[in-house]
Amino acid sequence: MNGRDLLEAMSFLDEELVAASDPPPRAIPWKRALSLAACFCVLLAGAFFLFRLNPANDVKESATEAAMFSAANAEADAALPETACDVGEAPAAGNASEELSYTVRLEELTETGFRATALEDTPDWEQGESILMEYAEGFLPDALSPGTEYRVWAESFDPQTHRAIIFQIEPVS
């Protein structure tokens, strides 16, 4: 039988039989779509965690939060009395913050502040003790150098950890 004979034989087939023999419609490739969606989710999660683990992003977020906080409290800041102590200014004599000012010698710089040695006895520590000085939120001092004596003003002091949160620092002349 050659091709011509086969073509003639097929012409005698019933039309209903030919229509019934059409292949079924193709199924939705749900397995492929599901695996692509899962891969996309894994990539998004990986990018999110890499972004969160990057220390440089923490600095950006802190700066953004500080800017938002500052903008939200601009009216409250404007209403402060003139005797209030702004960051960058030493407290006036007689101000309550004066009680938390200390003279220290900077020994070692850290990521969030510095380690210092007390140069005077205070109610919080004795001369020669080592204290961890950490910068208050939004405070970043100019260049500091180890071995230099500084006067620092602190928001708070934790006697358990020997840690002071400072908001102002200036070299002792």
N, C-alpha and C. Protein backbone atom coordinates (compact mmCIF):
# COMPACT_ATOMS: atom_id res chain seq x y z
N MET A 1 0.86 -1.15 0.00
CA MET A 1 0.00 0.00 0.00
C MET A 1 0.91 1.23 0.00
N ASN A 2 0.60 2.14 -0.90
CA ASN A 2 1.38 3.36 -0.96
C ASN A 2 0.56 4.51 -0.39
N GLY A 3 1.10 5.72 -0.42
CA GLY A 3 0.45 6.88 0.18
C GLY A 3 -0.88 7.21 -0.47
N ARG A 4 -0.97 6.98 -1.80
CA ARG A 4 -2.20 7.30 -2.51
C ARG A 4 -3.32 6.37 -2.06
N ASP A 5 -3.00 5.09 -1.88
CA ASP A 5 -4.01 4.11 -1.45
C ASP A 5 -4.49 4.44 -0.02
N LEU A 6 -3.57 4.87 0.83
CA LEU A 6 -3.93 5.22 2.19
C LEU A 6 -4.84 6.44 2.22
N LEU A 7 -4.57 7.42 1.37
CA LEU A 7 -5.39 8.61 1.30
C LEU A 7 -6.80 8.26 0.84
N GLU A 8 -6.92 7.37 -0.17
CA GLU A 8 -8.24 6.95 -0.65
C GLU A 8 -9.01 6.21 0.42
N ALA A 9 -8.32 5.37 1.20
CA ALA A 9 -8.99 4.59 2.23
C ALA A 9 -9.48 5.51 3.35
N MET A 10 -8.77 6.56 3.64
CA MET A 10 -9.19 7.46 4.72
C MET A 10 -10.39 8.29 4.31
N SER A 11 -10.62 8.47 3.05
CA SER A 11 -11.78 9.24 2.61
C SER A 11 -13.09 8.52 2.89
N PHE A 12 -13.04 7.22 3.14
CA PHE A 12 -14.24 6.46 3.43
C PHE A 12 -14.59 6.44 4.93
N LEU A 13 -13.77 7.08 5.77
CA LEU A 13 -14.03 7.10 7.22
C LEU A 13 -15.21 8.01 7.53
N ASP A 14 -15.95 7.67 8.59
CA ASP A 14 -17.10 8.44 9.02
C ASP A 14 -16.59 9.73 9.70
N GLU A 15 -17.24 10.87 9.41
CA GLU A 15 -16.83 12.17 9.96
C GLU A 15 -16.91 12.20 11.48
N GLU A 16 -17.89 11.52 12.06
CA GLU A 16 -18.05 11.50 13.52
C GLU A 16 -16.86 10.79 14.18
N LEU A 17 -16.38 9.75 13.57
CA LEU A 17 -15.23 9.03 14.11
C LEU A 17 -13.97 9.90 14.09
N VAL A 18 -13.82 10.66 13.03
CA VAL A 18 -12.65 11.53 12.90
C VAL A 18 -12.71 12.64 13.96
N ALA A 19 -13.90 13.23 14.19
CA ALA A 19 -14.05 14.29 15.18
C ALA A 19 -13.81 13.77 16.59
N ALA A 20 -14.23 12.55 16.87
CA ALA A 20 -14.04 11.97 18.20
C ALA A 20 -12.59 11.64 18.47
N SER A 21 -11.78 11.50 17.45
CA SER A 21 -10.39 11.11 17.64
C SER A 21 -9.46 12.30 17.86
N ASP A 22 -9.99 13.54 17.88
CA ASP A 22 -9.13 14.71 18.15
C ASP A 22 -8.50 14.57 19.53
N PRO A 23 -7.25 15.04 19.66
CA PRO A 23 -6.60 14.92 20.98
C PRO A 23 -7.32 15.80 22.01
N PRO A 24 -7.31 15.39 23.28
CA PRO A 24 -7.99 16.18 24.31
C PRO A 24 -7.27 17.53 24.48
N PRO A 25 -7.98 18.56 24.96
CA PRO A 25 -7.31 19.85 25.16
C PRO A 25 -6.16 19.70 26.16
N ARG A 26 -5.13 20.47 25.93
CA ARG A 26 -3.93 20.36 26.77
C ARG A 26 -4.24 20.83 28.19
N ALA A 27 -3.77 20.08 29.17
CA ALA A 27 -3.99 20.41 30.57
C ALA A 27 -3.14 21.62 30.97
N ILE A 28 -3.59 22.37 31.97
CA ILE A 28 -2.83 23.52 32.46
C ILE A 28 -1.56 23.01 33.13
N PRO A 29 -0.43 23.57 32.78
CA PRO A 29 0.84 23.09 33.37
C PRO A 29 1.00 23.62 34.80
N TRP A 30 0.16 23.19 35.72
CA TRP A 30 0.15 23.71 37.09
C TRP A 30 1.43 23.37 37.84
N LYS A 31 2.03 22.25 37.52
CA LYS A 31 3.27 21.90 38.22
C LYS A 31 4.38 22.90 37.90
N ARG A 32 4.46 23.27 36.64
CA ARG A 32 5.48 24.22 36.23
C ARG A 32 5.21 25.60 36.83
N ALA A 33 3.95 26.05 36.80
CA ALA A 33 3.59 27.34 37.35
C ALA A 33 3.85 27.37 38.86
N LEU A 34 3.53 26.29 39.54
CA LEU A 34 3.75 26.22 40.98
C LEU A 34 5.23 26.26 41.32
N SER A 35 6.06 25.57 40.55
CA SER A 35 7.49 25.57 40.84
C SER A 35 8.10 26.96 40.54
N LEU A 36 7.62 27.64 39.51
CA LEU A 36 8.10 28.99 39.23
C LEU A 36 7.70 29.95 40.35
N ALA A 37 6.49 29.83 40.86
CA ALA A 37 6.05 30.70 41.97
C ALA A 37 6.87 30.43 43.23
N ALA A 38 7.18 29.17 43.50
CA ALA A 38 7.99 28.83 44.67
C ALA A 38 9.40 29.41 44.54
N CYS A 39 10.00 29.31 43.37
CA CYS A 39 11.33 29.88 43.14
C CYS A 39 11.31 31.40 43.34
N PHE A 40 10.27 32.05 42.86
CA PHE A 40 10.15 33.50 43.01
C PHE A 40 10.05 33.87 44.49
N CYS A 41 9.28 33.11 45.25
CA CYS A 41 9.15 33.38 46.69
C CYS A 41 10.48 33.19 47.41
N VAL A 42 11.23 32.17 47.06
CA VAL A 42 12.53 31.93 47.68
C VAL A 42 13.49 33.08 47.36
N LEU A 43 13.47 33.56 46.12
CA LEU A 43 14.32 34.69 45.74
C LEU A 43 13.94 35.96 46.51
N LEU A 44 12.64 36.22 46.64
CA LEU A 44 12.20 37.39 47.41
C LEU A 44 12.62 37.29 48.87
N ALA A 45 12.45 36.13 49.47
CA ALA A 45 12.83 35.95 50.88
C ALA A 45 14.34 36.13 51.04
N GLY A 46 15.11 35.57 50.13
CA GLY A 46 16.57 35.72 50.20
C GLY A 46 16.99 37.17 50.08
N ALA A 47 16.40 37.90 49.16
CA ALA A 47 16.74 39.32 48.99
C ALA A 47 16.37 40.11 50.24
N PHE A 48 15.21 39.80 50.83
CA PHE A 48 14.78 40.50 52.04
C PHE A 48 15.76 40.26 53.18
N PHE A 49 16.16 39.01 53.41
CA PHE A 49 17.06 38.71 54.51
C PHE A 49 18.46 39.27 54.27
N LEU A 50 18.93 39.27 53.03
CA LEU A 50 20.23 39.87 52.74
C LEU A 50 20.18 41.38 53.01
N PHE A 51 19.07 42.01 52.67
CA PHE A 51 18.92 43.44 52.94
C PHE A 51 18.91 43.71 54.43
N ARG A 52 18.23 42.88 55.21
CA ARG A 52 18.12 43.07 56.65
C ARG A 52 19.43 42.77 57.37
N LEU A 53 20.27 41.89 56.81
CA LEU A 53 21.52 41.53 57.46
C LEU A 53 22.64 42.52 57.18
N ASN A 54 22.46 43.38 56.20
CA ASN A 54 23.49 44.34 55.83
C ASN A 54 23.53 45.46 56.88
N PRO A 55 24.65 45.63 57.62
CA PRO A 55 24.72 46.65 58.67
C PRO A 55 24.56 48.07 58.14
N ALA A 56 24.92 48.30 56.91
CA ALA A 56 24.79 49.65 56.34
C ALA A 56 23.33 50.06 56.28
N ASN A 57 22.41 49.10 56.10
CA ASN A 57 20.99 49.42 56.04
C ASN A 57 20.46 49.82 57.40
N ASP A 58 21.04 49.32 58.49
CA ASP A 58 20.60 49.71 59.82
C ASP A 58 20.88 51.18 60.05
N VAL A 59 22.03 51.66 59.56
CA VAL A 59 22.36 53.07 59.71
C VAL A 59 21.37 53.91 58.93
N LYS A 60 21.02 53.48 57.69
CA LYS A 60 20.07 54.22 56.88
C LYS A 60 18.71 54.26 57.57
N GLU A 61 18.27 53.12 58.12
CA GLU A 61 16.99 53.07 58.79
C GLU A 61 17.00 53.95 60.03
N SER A 62 18.10 53.94 60.79
CA SER A 62 18.18 54.78 61.98
C SER A 62 18.10 56.25 61.61
N ALA A 63 18.77 56.62 60.54
CA ALA A 63 18.73 58.01 60.10
C ALA A 63 17.32 58.39 59.64
N THR A 64 16.66 57.47 58.94
CA THR A 64 15.29 57.73 58.49
C THR A 64 14.36 57.85 59.68
N GLU A 65 14.48 56.95 60.65
CA GLU A 65 13.64 57.00 61.84
C GLU A 65 13.91 58.29 62.62
N ALA A 66 15.15 58.69 62.73
CA ALA A 66 15.49 59.92 63.45
C ALA A 66 14.88 61.13 62.74
N ALA A 67 14.92 61.13 61.42
CA ALA A 67 14.34 62.24 60.67
C ALA A 67 12.83 62.28 60.86
N MET A 68 12.20 61.12 60.84
CA MET A 68 10.75 61.07 61.03
C MET A 68 10.39 61.50 62.45
N PHE A 69 11.15 61.05 63.43
CA PHE A 69 10.92 61.42 64.82
C PHE A 69 11.09 62.92 65.00
N SER A 70 12.14 63.45 64.38
CA SER A 70 12.43 64.88 64.49
C SER A 70 11.31 65.71 63.88
N ALA A 71 10.82 65.29 62.72
CA ALA A 71 9.74 66.02 62.06
C ALA A 71 8.45 65.94 62.87
N ALA A 72 8.18 64.79 63.46
CA ALA A 72 6.96 64.62 64.23
C ALA A 72 6.99 65.43 65.52
N ASN A 73 8.17 65.68 66.06
CA ASN A 73 8.29 66.40 67.33
C ASN A 73 8.79 67.83 67.16
N ALA A 74 8.73 68.37 65.96
CA ALA A 74 9.23 69.72 65.73
C ALA A 74 8.48 70.74 66.56
N GLU A 75 7.16 70.58 66.67
CA GLU A 75 6.38 71.53 67.46
C GLU A 75 6.74 71.44 68.94
N ALA A 76 6.92 70.20 69.43
CA ALA A 76 7.27 70.02 70.84
C ALA A 76 8.65 70.61 71.12
N ASP A 77 9.58 70.46 70.17
CA ASP A 77 10.91 71.01 70.35
C ASP A 77 10.87 72.54 70.38
N ALA A 78 10.01 73.13 69.58
CA ALA A 78 9.90 74.59 69.54
C ALA A 78 9.35 75.13 70.85
N ALA A 79 8.56 74.32 71.55
CA ALA A 79 7.94 74.77 72.79
C ALA A 79 8.85 74.62 74.01
N LEU A 80 10.05 74.04 73.85
CA LEU A 80 10.95 73.86 74.98
C LEU A 80 11.43 75.22 75.50
N PRO A 81 11.62 75.34 76.80
CA PRO A 81 12.16 76.61 77.32
C PRO A 81 13.59 76.81 76.86
N GLU A 82 14.05 78.05 76.91
CA GLU A 82 15.38 78.36 76.43
C GLU A 82 16.47 77.72 77.28
N THR A 83 16.16 77.33 78.50
CA THR A 83 17.18 76.72 79.36
C THR A 83 17.39 75.26 79.03
N ALA A 84 16.54 74.68 78.13
CA ALA A 84 16.70 73.27 77.78
C ALA A 84 18.00 73.11 77.02
N CYS A 85 18.56 71.93 77.13
CA CYS A 85 19.88 71.68 76.55
C CYS A 85 19.74 71.00 75.20
N ASP A 86 20.12 71.66 74.12
CA ASP A 86 20.11 71.06 72.80
C ASP A 86 21.39 70.25 72.61
N VAL A 87 21.29 69.24 71.74
CA VAL A 87 22.49 68.48 71.42
C VAL A 87 23.46 69.42 70.74
N GLY A 88 24.68 69.43 71.17
CA GLY A 88 25.69 70.32 70.60
C GLY A 88 26.01 71.48 71.51
N GLU A 89 25.22 71.69 72.55
CA GLU A 89 25.50 72.76 73.49
C GLU A 89 25.76 72.16 74.86
N ALA A 90 26.72 72.69 75.56
CA ALA A 90 26.98 72.24 76.91
C ALA A 90 25.88 72.75 77.82
N PRO A 91 25.48 72.01 78.84
CA PRO A 91 24.43 72.46 79.73
C PRO A 91 24.86 73.72 80.49
N ALA A 92 23.88 74.57 80.74
CA ALA A 92 24.15 75.80 81.50
C ALA A 92 24.37 75.43 82.96
N ALA A 93 25.12 76.27 83.67
CA ALA A 93 25.37 76.03 85.09
C ALA A 93 24.05 76.01 85.83
N GLY A 94 23.88 75.09 86.74
CA GLY A 94 22.66 74.99 87.51
C GLY A 94 21.61 74.12 86.86
N ASN A 95 21.81 73.73 85.62
CA ASN A 95 20.87 72.84 84.94
C ASN A 95 20.94 71.48 85.60
N ALA A 96 19.81 70.76 85.62
CA ALA A 96 19.77 69.45 86.26
C ALA A 96 20.72 68.48 85.57
N SER A 97 20.98 68.68 84.27
CA SER A 97 21.88 67.78 83.55
C SER A 97 23.31 67.91 84.03
N GLU A 98 23.65 69.01 84.70
CA GLU A 98 25.01 69.23 85.18
C GLU A 98 25.42 68.14 86.16
N GLU A 99 24.46 67.58 86.89
CA GLU A 99 24.77 66.52 87.84
C GLU A 99 25.35 65.29 87.15
N LEU A 100 25.02 65.10 85.87
CA LEU A 100 25.52 63.95 85.14
C LEU A 100 26.62 64.34 84.16
N SER A 101 27.52 65.18 84.58
CA SER A 101 28.67 65.50 83.74
C SER A 101 29.92 64.96 84.42
N TYR A 102 30.82 64.44 83.61
CA TYR A 102 32.00 63.75 84.13
C TYR A 102 33.23 64.14 83.32
N THR A 103 34.39 64.02 83.95
CA THR A 103 35.65 64.19 83.24
C THR A 103 36.27 62.80 83.10
N VAL A 104 36.59 62.42 81.86
CA VAL A 104 37.10 61.08 81.57
C VAL A 104 38.25 61.16 80.59
N ARG A 105 39.03 60.08 80.52
CA ARG A 105 40.08 59.95 79.52
C ARG A 105 39.65 58.83 78.57
N LEU A 106 39.56 59.17 77.29
CA LEU A 106 39.16 58.20 76.27
C LEU A 106 40.26 57.15 76.13
N GLU A 107 39.91 55.89 76.26
CA GLU A 107 40.89 54.81 76.15
C GLU A 107 40.77 54.06 74.82
N GLU A 108 39.53 53.74 74.43
CA GLU A 108 39.34 52.89 73.24
C GLU A 108 38.01 53.23 72.58
N LEU A 109 38.01 53.44 71.26
CA LEU A 109 36.78 53.70 70.51
C LEU A 109 36.05 52.38 70.24
N THR A 110 34.73 52.41 70.31
CA THR A 110 33.90 51.25 69.97
C THR A 110 32.93 51.66 68.87
N GLU A 111 32.09 50.72 68.42
CA GLU A 111 31.14 51.03 67.35
C GLU A 111 30.08 52.02 67.79
N THR A 112 29.67 51.96 69.05
CA THR A 112 28.57 52.79 69.52
C THR A 112 29.03 53.88 70.49
N GLY A 113 30.31 54.03 70.70
CA GLY A 113 30.80 55.02 71.64
C GLY A 113 32.28 54.81 71.92
N PHE A 114 32.64 54.76 73.22
CA PHE A 114 34.04 54.54 73.57
C PHE A 114 34.13 54.07 75.02
N ARG A 115 35.26 53.48 75.35
CA ARG A 115 35.56 53.08 76.72
C ARG A 115 36.48 54.16 77.28
N ALA A 116 36.19 54.60 78.53
CA ALA A 116 36.94 55.69 79.14
C ALA A 116 37.29 55.34 80.58
N THR A 117 38.26 56.07 81.11
CA THR A 117 38.65 55.95 82.51
C THR A 117 38.22 57.21 83.24
N ALA A 118 37.58 57.03 84.39
CA ALA A 118 37.11 58.17 85.19
C ALA A 118 38.31 58.93 85.75
N LEU A 119 38.29 60.25 85.66
CA LEU A 119 39.38 61.08 86.18
C LEU A 119 38.98 61.76 87.48
N GLU A 120 37.78 61.48 87.97
CA GLU A 120 37.32 62.07 89.22
C GLU A 120 36.35 61.14 89.91
N ASP A 121 36.26 61.26 91.22
CA ASP A 121 35.26 60.51 91.97
C ASP A 121 33.90 61.17 91.76
N THR A 122 32.88 60.36 91.55
CA THR A 122 31.51 60.86 91.41
C THR A 122 30.61 59.96 92.25
N PRO A 123 29.35 60.32 92.41
CA PRO A 123 28.43 59.41 93.11
C PRO A 123 28.25 58.09 92.35
N ASP A 124 28.56 58.09 91.04
CA ASP A 124 28.35 56.90 90.23
C ASP A 124 29.56 55.98 90.17
N TRP A 125 30.77 56.51 90.25
CA TRP A 125 31.97 55.70 90.16
C TRP A 125 33.15 56.39 90.83
N GLU A 126 34.24 55.61 90.98
CA GLU A 126 35.46 56.14 91.59
C GLU A 126 36.48 56.47 90.52
N GLN A 127 37.42 57.32 90.87
CA GLN A 127 38.49 57.69 89.95
C GLN A 127 39.24 56.43 89.53
N GLY A 128 39.54 56.33 88.24
CA GLY A 128 40.29 55.20 87.71
C GLY A 128 39.42 54.06 87.20
N GLU A 129 38.11 54.10 87.47
CA GLU A 129 37.23 53.04 86.98
C GLU A 129 37.03 53.17 85.48
N SER A 130 36.78 52.04 84.83
CA SER A 130 36.52 52.00 83.41
C SER A 130 35.01 52.10 83.17
N ILE A 131 34.61 52.98 82.27
CA ILE A 131 33.20 53.21 81.97
C ILE A 131 32.99 53.10 80.46
N LEU A 132 31.88 52.48 80.08
CA LEU A 132 31.52 52.42 78.67
C LEU A 132 30.61 53.60 78.37
N MET A 133 31.06 54.50 77.50
CA MET A 133 30.28 55.67 77.10
C MET A 133 29.65 55.37 75.74
N GLU A 134 28.33 55.40 75.69
CA GLU A 134 27.62 55.17 74.42
C GLU A 134 26.91 56.44 74.02
N TYR A 135 26.87 56.70 72.69
CA TYR A 135 26.25 57.91 72.18
C TYR A 135 24.73 57.80 72.26
N ALA A 136 24.08 58.90 72.66
CA ALA A 136 22.62 58.97 72.66
C ALA A 136 22.14 58.93 71.21
N GLU A 137 20.90 58.53 71.02
CA GLU A 137 20.34 58.45 69.68
C GLU A 137 20.38 59.83 69.02
N GLY A 138 20.91 59.88 67.81
CA GLY A 138 21.00 61.13 67.07
C GLY A 138 22.25 61.94 67.37
N PHE A 139 23.07 61.51 68.33
CA PHE A 139 24.28 62.25 68.67
C PHE A 139 25.49 61.57 68.05
N LEU A 140 26.27 62.31 67.31
CA LEU A 140 27.50 61.80 66.72
C LEU A 140 28.57 62.87 66.88
N PRO A 141 29.55 62.64 67.77
CA PRO A 141 30.56 63.68 68.03
C PRO A 141 31.56 63.80 66.90
N ASP A 142 32.31 64.90 66.94
CA ASP A 142 33.41 65.08 66.00
C ASP A 142 34.49 64.05 66.31
N ALA A 143 35.57 64.08 65.56
CA ALA A 143 36.66 63.12 65.72
C ALA A 143 37.17 63.11 67.16
N LEU A 144 37.29 61.92 67.72
CA LEU A 144 37.81 61.75 69.07
C LEU A 144 39.13 60.99 68.97
N SER A 145 40.01 61.23 69.94
CA SER A 145 41.29 60.52 69.90
C SER A 145 41.59 59.90 71.27
N PRO A 146 42.03 58.64 71.25
CA PRO A 146 42.37 57.96 72.50
C PRO A 146 43.48 58.70 73.24
N GLY A 147 43.39 58.67 74.58
CA GLY A 147 44.38 59.33 75.41
C GLY A 147 44.01 60.76 75.75
N THR A 148 42.99 61.30 75.10
CA THR A 148 42.58 62.68 75.33
C THR A 148 41.55 62.74 76.46
N GLU A 149 41.60 63.82 77.25
CA GLU A 149 40.64 64.01 78.33
C GLU A 149 39.44 64.80 77.80
N TYR A 150 38.24 64.35 78.20
CA TYR A 150 37.00 64.97 77.75
C TYR A 150 36.07 65.20 78.92
N ARG A 151 35.21 66.20 78.77
CA ARG A 151 34.09 66.40 79.69
C ARG A 151 32.87 65.89 78.94
N VAL A 152 32.12 64.97 79.56
CA VAL A 152 30.95 64.39 78.92
C VAL A 152 29.71 64.68 79.76
N TRP A 153 28.59 64.85 79.08
CA TRP A 153 27.30 65.02 79.74
C TRP A 153 26.45 63.81 79.38
N ALA A 154 25.88 63.20 80.40
CA ALA A 154 25.16 61.94 80.20
C ALA A 154 23.67 62.10 80.49
N GLU A 155 22.87 61.37 79.70
CA GLU A 155 21.43 61.28 79.94
C GLU A 155 21.17 60.35 81.11
N SER A 156 21.94 59.26 81.14
CA SER A 156 21.71 58.25 82.17
C SER A 156 23.00 57.48 82.41
N PHE A 157 23.03 56.80 83.55
CA PHE A 157 24.15 55.95 83.89
C PHE A 157 23.60 54.69 84.55
N ASP A 158 24.08 53.53 84.08
CA ASP A 158 23.66 52.25 84.65
C ASP A 158 24.81 51.72 85.51
N PRO A 159 24.65 51.73 86.84
CA PRO A 159 25.75 51.28 87.71
C PRO A 159 26.02 49.78 87.60
N GLN A 160 25.04 49.01 87.13
CA GLN A 160 25.24 47.56 86.98
C GLN A 160 26.26 47.26 85.89
N THR A 161 26.15 47.96 84.77
CA THR A 161 27.01 47.68 83.61
C THR A 161 28.12 48.72 83.42
N HIS A 162 28.15 49.76 84.27
CA HIS A 162 29.10 50.87 84.11
C HIS A 162 29.00 51.46 82.71
N ARG A 163 27.76 51.76 82.31
CA ARG A 163 27.48 52.27 80.97
C ARG A 163 26.72 53.59 81.09
N ALA A 164 27.26 54.61 80.44
CA ALA A 164 26.61 55.93 80.43
C ALA A 164 26.19 56.25 79.00
N ILE A 165 25.00 56.83 78.86
CA ILE A 165 24.52 57.30 77.55
C ILE A 165 24.80 58.80 77.50
N ILE A 166 25.69 59.21 76.60
CA ILE A 166 26.12 60.61 76.55
C ILE A 166 25.47 61.35 75.39
N PHE A 167 25.21 62.64 75.61
CA PHE A 167 24.62 63.46 74.56
C PHE A 167 25.49 64.67 74.21
N GLN A 168 26.58 64.87 74.95
CA GLN A 168 27.49 65.97 74.66
C GLN A 168 28.88 65.61 75.14
N ILE A 169 29.87 66.06 74.38
CA ILE A 169 31.27 65.82 74.76
C ILE A 169 32.11 66.98 74.24
N GLU A 170 33.06 67.41 75.06
CA GLU A 170 34.01 68.43 74.60
C GLU A 170 35.36 68.18 75.27
N PRO A 171 36.44 68.48 74.56
CA PRO A 171 37.76 68.24 75.13
C PRO A 171 38.04 69.16 76.32
N VAL A 172 38.78 68.66 77.28
CA VAL A 172 39.19 69.45 78.44
C VAL A 172 40.43 70.23 78.04
N SER A 173 40.40 71.55 78.27
CA SER A 173 41.57 72.34 77.86
C SER A 173 42.55 72.51 78.99
